[in-house]
């Protein structure tokens, strides 16, 4: 990854960030540089970059979203991942006839993304998050529509790069749809709208929790270099995942940002550590975080996430207002005078499929969706992580302008250094 690319964007102030990112999903029509497929029936050539489970699933959803699509290219740093993804996709009779990837369009290696970009109209991007700023910029510069998984970066220079890519995409009339899928769930949309319309009065306090069990670990192959080991176990290394508050808990933080109109918090105070995952195989990330985000209005969000085996789990988002209380995750609202509302599911509401449906519909109609909120929600997670790592209360402005770049000096096979496990009070804020 090119470090300089992550520093290209000028540093915005918090006010400028709010003006551009707080708009959430931006939809507009542009008279130039629209896809040649807009409003037409031509086959849209789809390419997949990042062939893990999420990428494979997203490629399937992309093909299901539009019957006149074909998967024509796939790429991953590992050849075996390319082959595994294609084999899984070909077992689905709904899409198998439209998987036309020949041997020449199966790309492997650190430059695999470029081969996919050069072959396609629409990119499904699901590499480890550390690569997303560089790859997304390449997609936009090449004039491609993109579905990009969450989070979009692991550090502030990466977020600034993606902010610039969003700006460029809007200028070119390109779609950038984020994998922050809850925003595409119809039940969540109705719940958030009711709360923003005052269903429980003014918001006083928020509480969001993402306490789960552990995730996968692929061990270490006898012939793997350190770079291969870290890439195959990317969840556990800060430069690849940004830690689980960024890679997983971002869904919860994004719901909070959405509710708050994508106005970012003014500051954050967090703590965290490694209580259960202390084995060196778990790299340099934490296994739990707790913190408080504070807005200028006085609203506070109490935030918790952990990945512990054999412990109680909880994924919930509570909103406490002057007139009632709500649970966003359960689509439930109750006022203090006894009135209750719960969303009644009617029809299909698969948030993973919905986001692709809306992406391809926009391309066909010549409309543009640029989910700029993916930048602010990613930075919110990075703010919480960095506050815990350093033991410092940090402001949004400090985080947005941070110089810390987690990318290793060189991306190549062989040895790669691991950043030290953070120690609050010792790890500096950069």
Protein backbone atom coordinates (compact mmCIF):
# COMPACT_ATOMS: atom_id res chain seq x y z
CA UNK A 1 0.00 0.00 0.00
CA UNK A 2 1.26 3.49 -0.86
CA UNK A 3 1.48 5.52 2.34
CA UNK A 4 1.50 8.80 0.46
CA UNK A 5 -1.92 8.10 -1.02
CA UNK A 6 -3.38 8.10 2.47
CA UNK A 7 -2.05 11.61 3.08
CA UNK A 8 -3.17 13.20 -0.18
CA UNK A 9 -6.42 14.68 1.14
CA UNK A 10 -6.24 18.05 2.87
CA UNK A 11 -7.10 17.92 6.55
CA UNK A 12 -10.67 19.11 7.08
CA UNK A 13 -11.88 20.85 10.17
CA UNK A 14 -14.66 19.26 12.24
CA UNK A 15 -17.13 21.77 10.82
CA UNK A 16 -16.08 20.95 7.25
CA UNK A 17 -16.30 17.24 8.02
CA UNK A 18 -19.81 17.68 9.38
CA UNK A 19 -20.85 19.67 6.32
CA UNK A 20 -19.69 16.96 3.90
CA UNK A 21 -20.06 13.71 5.83
CA UNK A 22 -23.17 14.46 7.88
CA UNK A 23 -25.32 14.38 4.80
CA UNK A 24 -25.39 10.58 4.97
CA UNK A 25 -26.48 9.02 1.69
CA UNK A 26 -26.09 11.60 -1.05
CA UNK A 27 -28.21 11.04 -4.14
CA UNK A 28 -28.05 13.22 -7.21
CA UNK A 29 -28.08 13.04 -10.98
CA UNK A 30 -25.08 14.20 -12.96
CA UNK A 31 -25.16 15.08 -16.63
CA UNK A 32 -21.66 13.86 -17.41
CA UNK A 33 -19.56 10.79 -16.84
CA UNK A 34 -22.55 8.57 -16.14
CA UNK A 35 -22.14 4.86 -16.71
CA UNK A 36 -22.78 3.85 -20.30
CA UNK A 37 -25.10 1.24 -18.83
CA UNK A 38 -27.38 3.73 -17.11
CA UNK A 39 -31.01 3.42 -18.15
CA UNK A 40 -30.00 0.56 -20.43
CA UNK A 41 -30.11 -3.18 -20.51
CA UNK A 42 -26.46 -3.87 -21.31
CA UNK A 43 -24.72 -6.48 -19.19
CA UNK A 44 -22.93 -4.94 -16.23
CA UNK A 45 -19.56 -6.61 -15.74
CA UNK A 46 -18.97 -7.27 -12.02
CA UNK A 47 -15.60 -7.90 -10.41
CA UNK A 48 -14.75 -9.14 -6.93
CA UNK A 49 -11.70 -7.96 -4.99
CA UNK A 50 -11.23 -9.93 -1.77
CA UNK A 51 -12.46 -13.52 -1.96
CA UNK A 52 -13.20 -14.38 1.65
CA UNK A 53 -16.61 -15.32 3.00
CA UNK A 54 -17.98 -11.78 3.03
CA UNK A 55 -16.68 -11.00 -0.43
CA UNK A 56 -18.11 -14.21 -1.85
CA UNK A 57 -21.47 -13.47 -0.28
CA UNK A 58 -21.45 -9.90 -1.56
CA UNK A 59 -20.63 -11.06 -5.10
CA UNK A 60 -23.64 -13.37 -4.98
CA UNK A 61 -25.87 -10.53 -3.78
CA UNK A 62 -24.58 -8.29 -6.55
CA UNK A 63 -25.55 -10.84 -9.19
CA UNK A 64 -28.97 -11.39 -7.61
CA UNK A 65 -29.60 -7.63 -7.59
CA UNK A 66 -29.68 -7.33 -11.37
CA UNK A 67 -30.44 -10.18 -13.82
CA UNK A 68 -28.32 -8.58 -16.52
CA UNK A 69 -25.01 -8.87 -14.71
CA UNK A 70 -22.07 -11.22 -15.00
CA UNK A 71 -19.14 -11.90 -12.73
CA UNK A 72 -16.17 -11.61 -15.08
CA UNK A 73 -13.12 -11.16 -12.82
CA UNK A 74 -12.01 -12.01 -9.30
CA UNK A 75 -8.89 -11.16 -7.35
CA UNK A 76 -7.29 -11.89 -4.01
CA UNK A 77 -3.80 -11.85 -2.63
CA UNK A 78 -4.04 -15.67 -2.39
CA UNK A 79 -4.70 -17.94 -5.35
CA UNK A 80 -6.45 -20.56 -3.22
CA UNK A 81 -8.94 -17.96 -2.02
CA UNK A 82 -9.79 -17.08 -5.63
CA UNK A 83 -10.44 -20.71 -6.47
CA UNK A 84 -12.45 -21.37 -3.30
CA UNK A 85 -14.68 -18.34 -3.89
CA UNK A 86 -15.43 -19.29 -7.47
CA UNK A 87 -16.19 -22.87 -6.51
CA UNK A 88 -18.70 -21.72 -3.90
CA UNK A 89 -20.38 -19.26 -6.23
CA UNK A 90 -20.74 -21.87 -8.98
CA UNK A 91 -22.76 -24.13 -6.69
CA UNK A 92 -25.64 -21.61 -6.65
CA UNK A 93 -27.95 -22.35 -9.59
CA UNK A 94 -29.45 -18.85 -9.39
CA UNK A 95 -26.19 -17.23 -10.45
CA UNK A 96 -23.93 -19.99 -11.82
CA UNK A 97 -24.77 -19.31 -15.50
CA UNK A 98 -23.58 -15.71 -15.07
CA UNK A 99 -20.19 -16.58 -13.60
CA UNK A 100 -17.98 -16.20 -16.69
CA UNK A 101 -14.57 -15.78 -15.07
CA UNK A 102 -11.94 -17.38 -17.31
CA UNK A 103 -8.39 -18.24 -16.25
CA UNK A 104 -7.03 -14.95 -17.56
CA UNK A 105 -9.30 -13.02 -15.21
CA UNK A 106 -8.44 -14.82 -11.99
CA UNK A 107 -5.89 -12.54 -10.37
CA UNK A 108 -3.67 -13.25 -7.36
CA UNK A 109 -1.04 -11.21 -5.53
CA UNK A 110 -0.78 -7.72 -4.09
CA UNK A 111 -1.64 -6.18 -7.47
CA UNK A 112 -4.64 -8.44 -8.11
CA UNK A 113 -7.04 -5.55 -7.48
CA UNK A 114 -5.78 -3.68 -10.52
CA UNK A 115 -6.51 -6.54 -12.87
CA UNK A 116 -10.09 -6.74 -11.60
CA UNK A 117 -10.59 -2.98 -11.89
CA UNK A 118 -9.39 -2.99 -15.49
CA UNK A 119 -11.92 -5.72 -16.41
CA UNK A 120 -15.20 -4.52 -14.87
CA UNK A 121 -17.92 -1.90 -14.60
CA UNK A 122 -18.87 -2.53 -10.96
CA UNK A 123 -16.47 -3.58 -8.21
CA UNK A 124 -17.39 -5.57 -5.10
CA UNK A 125 -14.62 -4.75 -2.64
CA UNK A 126 -14.09 -6.89 0.46
CA UNK A 127 -10.38 -7.08 1.19
CA UNK A 128 -9.07 -6.60 4.75
CA UNK A 129 -9.83 -2.96 5.70
CA UNK A 130 -6.20 -1.84 5.65
CA UNK A 131 -6.18 -2.06 1.84
CA UNK A 132 -9.46 -0.27 1.22
CA UNK A 133 -8.30 3.36 0.94
CA UNK A 134 -5.76 2.52 -1.77
CA UNK A 135 -8.03 0.19 -3.68
CA UNK A 136 -11.05 2.50 -3.47
CA UNK A 137 -9.01 5.38 -4.86
CA UNK A 138 -7.92 3.19 -7.77
CA UNK A 139 -11.54 2.22 -8.46
CA UNK A 140 -12.72 5.83 -8.50
CA UNK A 141 -9.82 7.03 -10.64
CA UNK A 142 -10.71 4.29 -13.13
CA UNK A 143 -14.36 5.41 -13.19
CA UNK A 144 -15.89 2.34 -11.57
CA UNK A 145 -18.99 1.98 -9.39
CA UNK A 146 -18.16 0.29 -6.07
CA UNK A 147 -19.73 -1.65 -3.27
CA UNK A 148 -17.15 -1.41 -0.47
CA UNK A 149 -17.33 -3.34 2.77
CA UNK A 150 -17.01 -1.74 6.17
CA UNK A 151 -14.89 -0.26 7.69
CA UNK A 152 -13.22 1.77 4.97
CA UNK A 153 -9.92 2.40 6.78
CA UNK A 154 -7.90 1.56 9.87
CA UNK A 155 -6.39 4.98 10.62
CA UNK A 156 -7.06 8.67 10.10
CA UNK A 157 -4.88 9.08 6.98
CA UNK A 158 -6.91 6.27 5.43
CA UNK A 159 -10.20 7.97 6.35
CA UNK A 160 -9.01 11.24 4.83
CA UNK A 161 -8.12 9.38 1.64
CA UNK A 162 -11.60 7.84 1.44
CA UNK A 163 -13.18 11.24 2.05
CA UNK A 164 -11.33 12.49 -0.99
CA UNK A 165 -12.39 9.43 -2.99
CA UNK A 166 -16.02 10.18 -2.09
CA UNK A 167 -15.61 13.73 -3.34
CA UNK A 168 -14.09 12.47 -6.58
CA UNK A 169 -16.86 9.90 -7.02
CA UNK A 170 -19.57 12.57 -6.77
CA UNK A 171 -17.77 14.69 -9.34
CA UNK A 172 -17.61 11.72 -11.72
CA UNK A 173 -21.16 10.55 -11.09
CA UNK A 174 -20.06 7.22 -9.62
CA UNK A 175 -21.83 5.14 -6.99
CA UNK A 176 -20.05 4.21 -3.76
CA UNK A 177 -22.29 2.04 -1.58
CA UNK A 178 -21.09 1.08 1.88
CA UNK A 179 -21.31 -2.30 3.58
CA UNK A 180 -22.76 -0.62 6.68
CA UNK A 181 -25.81 -2.69 5.92
CA UNK A 182 -28.14 -1.63 8.74
CA UNK A 183 -28.78 1.61 6.87
CA UNK A 184 -30.33 -0.49 4.12
CA UNK A 185 -32.64 -2.48 6.39
CA UNK A 186 -36.19 -1.18 5.97
CA UNK A 187 -37.08 -1.89 9.61
CA UNK A 188 -34.09 0.14 10.83
CA UNK A 189 -34.96 2.99 8.50
CA UNK A 190 -38.46 3.26 9.88
CA UNK A 191 -37.26 3.00 13.49
CA UNK A 192 -34.60 5.68 13.06
CA UNK A 193 -37.03 7.98 11.26
CA UNK A 194 -39.56 7.72 14.07
CA UNK A 195 -36.90 8.54 16.64
CA UNK A 196 -35.58 11.47 14.61
CA UNK A 197 -39.17 12.70 14.25
CA UNK A 198 -39.46 12.86 18.04
CA UNK A 199 -41.14 9.58 19.01
CA UNK A 200 -39.38 9.66 22.41
CA UNK A 201 -38.77 13.40 22.59
CA UNK A 202 -35.28 14.84 22.86
CA UNK A 203 -32.45 12.34 23.11
CA UNK A 204 -30.70 12.37 26.49
CA UNK A 205 -28.51 9.27 26.62
CA UNK A 206 -27.44 6.42 24.33
CA UNK A 207 -26.08 2.97 25.06
CA UNK A 208 -24.67 0.63 22.42
CA UNK A 209 -23.30 -2.87 23.04
CA UNK A 210 -21.70 -5.49 20.81
CA UNK A 211 -20.61 -8.30 23.11
CA UNK A 212 -19.99 -11.52 21.18
CA UNK A 213 -17.94 -14.70 21.24
CA UNK A 214 -14.63 -15.18 19.48
CA UNK A 215 -14.07 -15.36 15.74
CA UNK A 216 -12.04 -17.63 13.49
CA UNK A 217 -8.30 -18.17 13.52
CA UNK A 218 -6.53 -20.08 10.75
CA UNK A 219 -3.39 -21.04 12.63
CA UNK A 220 0.04 -20.91 11.01
CA UNK A 221 1.22 -22.98 8.05
CA UNK A 222 4.69 -24.47 8.18
CA UNK A 223 5.73 -22.70 4.99
CA UNK A 224 4.04 -19.35 5.65
CA UNK A 225 6.06 -16.17 5.92
CA UNK A 226 5.09 -13.68 8.60
CA UNK A 227 3.29 -11.59 5.98
CA UNK A 228 1.20 -14.56 4.88
CA UNK A 229 0.40 -15.44 8.49
CA UNK A 230 -0.82 -11.93 9.24
CA UNK A 231 -2.86 -11.71 6.03
CA UNK A 232 -4.56 -15.06 6.62
CA UNK A 233 -5.33 -14.03 10.21
CA UNK A 234 -5.97 -10.39 9.43
CA UNK A 235 -8.56 -9.87 12.17
CA UNK A 236 -5.85 -9.79 14.83
CA UNK A 237 -3.49 -7.15 13.42
CA UNK A 238 -4.17 -3.43 13.72
CA UNK A 239 -2.87 -2.46 10.27
CA UNK A 240 -5.26 -4.91 8.61
CA UNK A 241 -8.46 -4.76 10.69
CA UNK A 242 -8.16 -1.67 12.86
CA UNK A 243 -9.13 -3.90 15.84
CA UNK A 244 -12.58 -5.36 16.43
CA UNK A 245 -14.10 -2.05 17.59
CA UNK A 246 -13.45 -0.93 14.02
CA UNK A 247 -14.05 -4.16 12.11
CA UNK A 248 -17.17 -5.41 13.94
CA UNK A 249 -18.50 -2.88 16.44
CA UNK A 250 -18.61 -0.23 13.72
CA UNK A 251 -22.11 -1.52 12.93
CA UNK A 252 -23.32 -0.38 16.35
CA UNK A 253 -21.45 2.92 16.19
CA UNK A 254 -22.87 3.56 12.73
CA UNK A 255 -26.41 3.18 14.04
CA UNK A 256 -25.62 5.79 16.70
CA UNK A 257 -24.13 8.17 14.14
CA UNK A 258 -27.17 7.65 11.91
CA UNK A 259 -29.54 8.46 14.76
CA UNK A 260 -27.52 11.58 15.57
CA UNK A 261 -27.84 12.84 12.02
CA UNK A 262 -24.23 11.93 11.26
CA UNK A 263 -23.05 14.77 13.47
CA UNK A 264 -19.86 13.41 15.03
CA UNK A 265 -19.18 13.40 18.76
CA UNK A 266 -16.94 16.11 20.12
CA UNK A 267 -14.75 13.75 22.15
CA UNK A 268 -14.32 10.24 23.50
CA UNK A 269 -12.88 8.57 26.60
CA UNK A 270 -12.28 4.83 26.30
CA UNK A 271 -10.55 1.91 27.96
CA UNK A 272 -9.83 -1.65 26.87
CA UNK A 273 -7.34 -4.47 26.90
CA UNK A 274 -6.63 -8.18 26.47
CA UNK A 275 -8.33 -10.16 29.23
CA UNK A 276 -8.95 -13.49 27.46
CA UNK A 277 -7.10 -13.42 24.15
CA UNK A 278 -3.59 -13.15 25.59
CA UNK A 279 -1.94 -15.80 23.39
CA UNK A 280 0.61 -14.28 20.96
CA UNK A 281 -1.35 -15.79 18.07
CA UNK A 282 -3.94 -13.05 18.57
CA UNK A 283 -1.56 -10.41 17.29
CA UNK A 284 -1.70 -6.94 18.79
CA UNK A 285 -5.41 -6.13 19.14
CA UNK A 286 -7.60 -5.90 22.24
CA UNK A 287 -10.49 -8.21 23.10
CA UNK A 288 -12.67 -5.63 24.86
CA UNK A 289 -13.43 -1.89 24.82
CA UNK A 290 -15.61 0.38 26.95
CA UNK A 291 -16.03 4.08 26.46
CA UNK A 292 -18.11 7.24 26.42
CA UNK A 293 -18.68 9.43 23.37
CA UNK A 294 -19.84 12.98 24.11
CA UNK A 295 -21.60 15.42 21.76
CA UNK A 296 -21.53 19.18 22.04
CA UNK A 297 -25.25 19.05 22.85
CA UNK A 298 -24.47 17.15 26.05
CA UNK A 299 -25.72 13.77 24.78
CA UNK A 300 -23.51 10.88 25.84
CA UNK A 301 -23.23 7.41 24.34
CA UNK A 302 -22.02 4.64 26.64
CA UNK A 303 -20.30 2.10 24.46
CA UNK A 304 -19.15 -1.49 25.06
CA UNK A 305 -17.83 -4.29 22.85
CA UNK A 306 -15.94 -7.51 23.47
CA UNK A 307 -15.10 -10.84 21.85
CA UNK A 308 -14.93 -13.39 24.67
CA UNK A 309 -15.61 -17.11 24.49
CA UNK A 310 -18.11 -18.75 26.88
CA UNK A 311 -19.58 -15.45 28.10
CA UNK A 312 -22.94 -13.72 27.80
CA UNK A 313 -23.63 -11.97 24.52
CA UNK A 314 -25.55 -8.77 23.83
CA UNK A 315 -26.04 -6.80 20.64
CA UNK A 316 -28.32 -3.85 21.37
CA UNK A 317 -28.68 -0.09 20.95
CA UNK A 318 -30.73 1.77 23.56
CA UNK A 319 -31.98 5.33 23.20
CA UNK A 320 -33.31 7.23 26.23
CA UNK A 321 -35.34 10.37 25.59
CA UNK A 322 -37.46 12.89 27.44
CA UNK A 323 -40.66 11.03 26.47
CA UNK A 324 -39.61 7.40 26.22
CA UNK A 325 -37.06 4.72 25.43
CA UNK A 326 -36.18 2.69 22.31
CA UNK A 327 -34.14 -0.32 21.26
CA UNK A 328 -32.95 0.27 17.71
CA UNK A 329 -31.73 -3.26 17.13
CA UNK A 330 -35.13 -4.69 18.10
CA UNK A 331 -37.12 -1.94 16.33
CA UNK A 332 -38.99 -1.18 19.54
CA UNK A 333 -40.22 2.13 20.99
CA UNK A 334 -42.04 2.69 24.29
CA UNK A 335 -43.17 6.03 25.65
CA UNK A 336 -43.39 6.79 29.36
CA UNK A 337 -47.18 7.13 29.08
CA UNK A 338 -47.44 3.47 28.05
CA UNK A 339 -47.63 3.61 24.24
CA UNK A 340 -45.64 0.98 22.38
CA UNK A 341 -44.54 0.53 18.78
CA UNK A 342 -42.71 -2.40 17.21
CA UNK A 343 -41.94 -2.73 13.55
CA UNK A 344 -44.03 -5.37 11.83
CA UNK A 345 -41.97 -7.04 9.15
CA UNK A 346 -43.80 -7.22 5.86
CA UNK A 347 -42.16 -8.83 2.87
CA UNK A 348 -38.48 -9.38 2.21
CA UNK A 349 -36.06 -7.22 4.17
CA UNK A 350 -32.57 -8.64 3.71
CA UNK A 351 -30.27 -5.71 4.41
CA UNK A 352 -27.33 -7.39 2.64
CA UNK A 353 -29.40 -7.81 -0.50
CA UNK A 354 -31.09 -4.42 -0.19
CA UNK A 355 -27.83 -2.50 -0.47
CA UNK A 356 -26.95 -4.21 -3.75
CA UNK A 357 -30.47 -3.82 -5.07
CA UNK A 358 -30.28 -0.07 -4.51
CA UNK A 359 -26.76 0.17 -5.96
CA UNK A 360 -27.66 -1.52 -9.23
CA UNK A 361 -30.99 0.30 -9.48
CA UNK A 362 -29.13 3.61 -9.16
CA UNK A 363 -26.67 2.63 -11.88
CA UNK A 364 -29.50 1.68 -14.23
CA UNK A 365 -31.40 4.91 -13.53
CA UNK A 366 -28.37 7.17 -13.89
CA UNK A 367 -28.63 8.20 -10.26
CA UNK A 368 -25.77 8.41 -7.77
CA UNK A 369 -25.42 7.11 -4.22
CA UNK A 370 -22.29 8.07 -2.30
CA UNK A 371 -22.44 6.80 1.27
CA UNK A 372 -20.12 9.39 2.80
CA UNK A 373 -21.16 8.37 6.29
CA UNK A 374 -18.82 5.40 5.96
CA UNK A 375 -16.02 7.88 6.65
CA UNK A 376 -17.49 9.37 9.83
CA UNK A 377 -18.56 6.02 11.26
CA UNK A 378 -15.12 4.55 10.60
CA UNK A 379 -13.47 7.52 12.28
CA UNK A 380 -15.79 7.18 15.27
CA UNK A 381 -14.53 3.62 15.75
CA UNK A 382 -10.91 4.68 15.32
CA UNK A 383 -11.45 7.45 17.88
CA UNK A 384 -12.74 4.95 20.44
CA UNK A 385 -9.86 2.58 19.77
CA UNK A 386 -7.19 5.25 19.95
CA UNK A 387 -8.54 6.69 23.17
CA UNK A 388 -8.35 3.20 24.73
CA UNK A 389 -4.88 2.49 23.33
CA UNK A 390 -3.45 5.75 24.66
CA UNK A 391 -5.56 6.19 27.79
CA UNK A 392 -6.32 9.74 26.68
CA UNK A 393 -9.55 11.64 26.19
CA UNK A 394 -9.37 12.64 22.53
CA UNK A 395 -11.40 15.09 20.47
CA UNK A 396 -12.86 14.44 17.05
CA UNK A 397 -10.61 17.15 15.65
CA UNK A 398 -7.49 15.50 17.07
CA UNK A 399 -8.46 12.15 15.61
CA UNK A 400 -9.42 13.50 12.22
CA UNK A 401 -5.99 15.13 11.86
CA UNK A 402 -3.95 12.30 13.38
CA UNK A 403 -0.69 11.43 11.60
CA UNK A 404 -0.61 7.80 12.77
CA UNK A 405 -0.31 5.52 9.74
CA UNK A 406 -0.56 1.83 10.66
CA UNK A 407 0.64 0.58 7.28
CA UNK A 408 3.93 -1.37 7.40
CA UNK A 409 6.86 0.32 5.64
CA UNK A 410 6.77 -2.33 2.90
CA UNK A 411 3.98 -4.60 1.67
CA UNK A 412 5.76 -7.71 0.37
CA UNK A 413 6.14 -11.38 1.09
CA UNK A 414 8.55 -12.15 3.91
CA UNK A 415 8.95 -10.63 7.33
CA UNK A 416 6.69 -7.82 8.47
CA UNK A 417 6.93 -6.09 11.85
CA UNK A 418 4.01 -6.22 14.28
CA UNK A 419 3.16 -2.99 16.05
CA UNK A 420 3.52 -3.35 19.84
CA UNK A 421 0.46 -4.26 21.89
CA UNK A 422 -0.84 -0.86 23.06
CA UNK A 423 -0.38 0.10 26.71
CA UNK A 424 -2.55 2.98 27.99
CA UNK A 425 -0.45 5.78 29.39
CA UNK A 426 2.58 4.51 27.43
CA UNK A 427 1.34 4.33 23.84
CA UNK A 428 1.50 7.91 22.51
CA UNK A 429 -1.11 9.73 20.50
CA UNK A 430 0.34 10.63 17.13
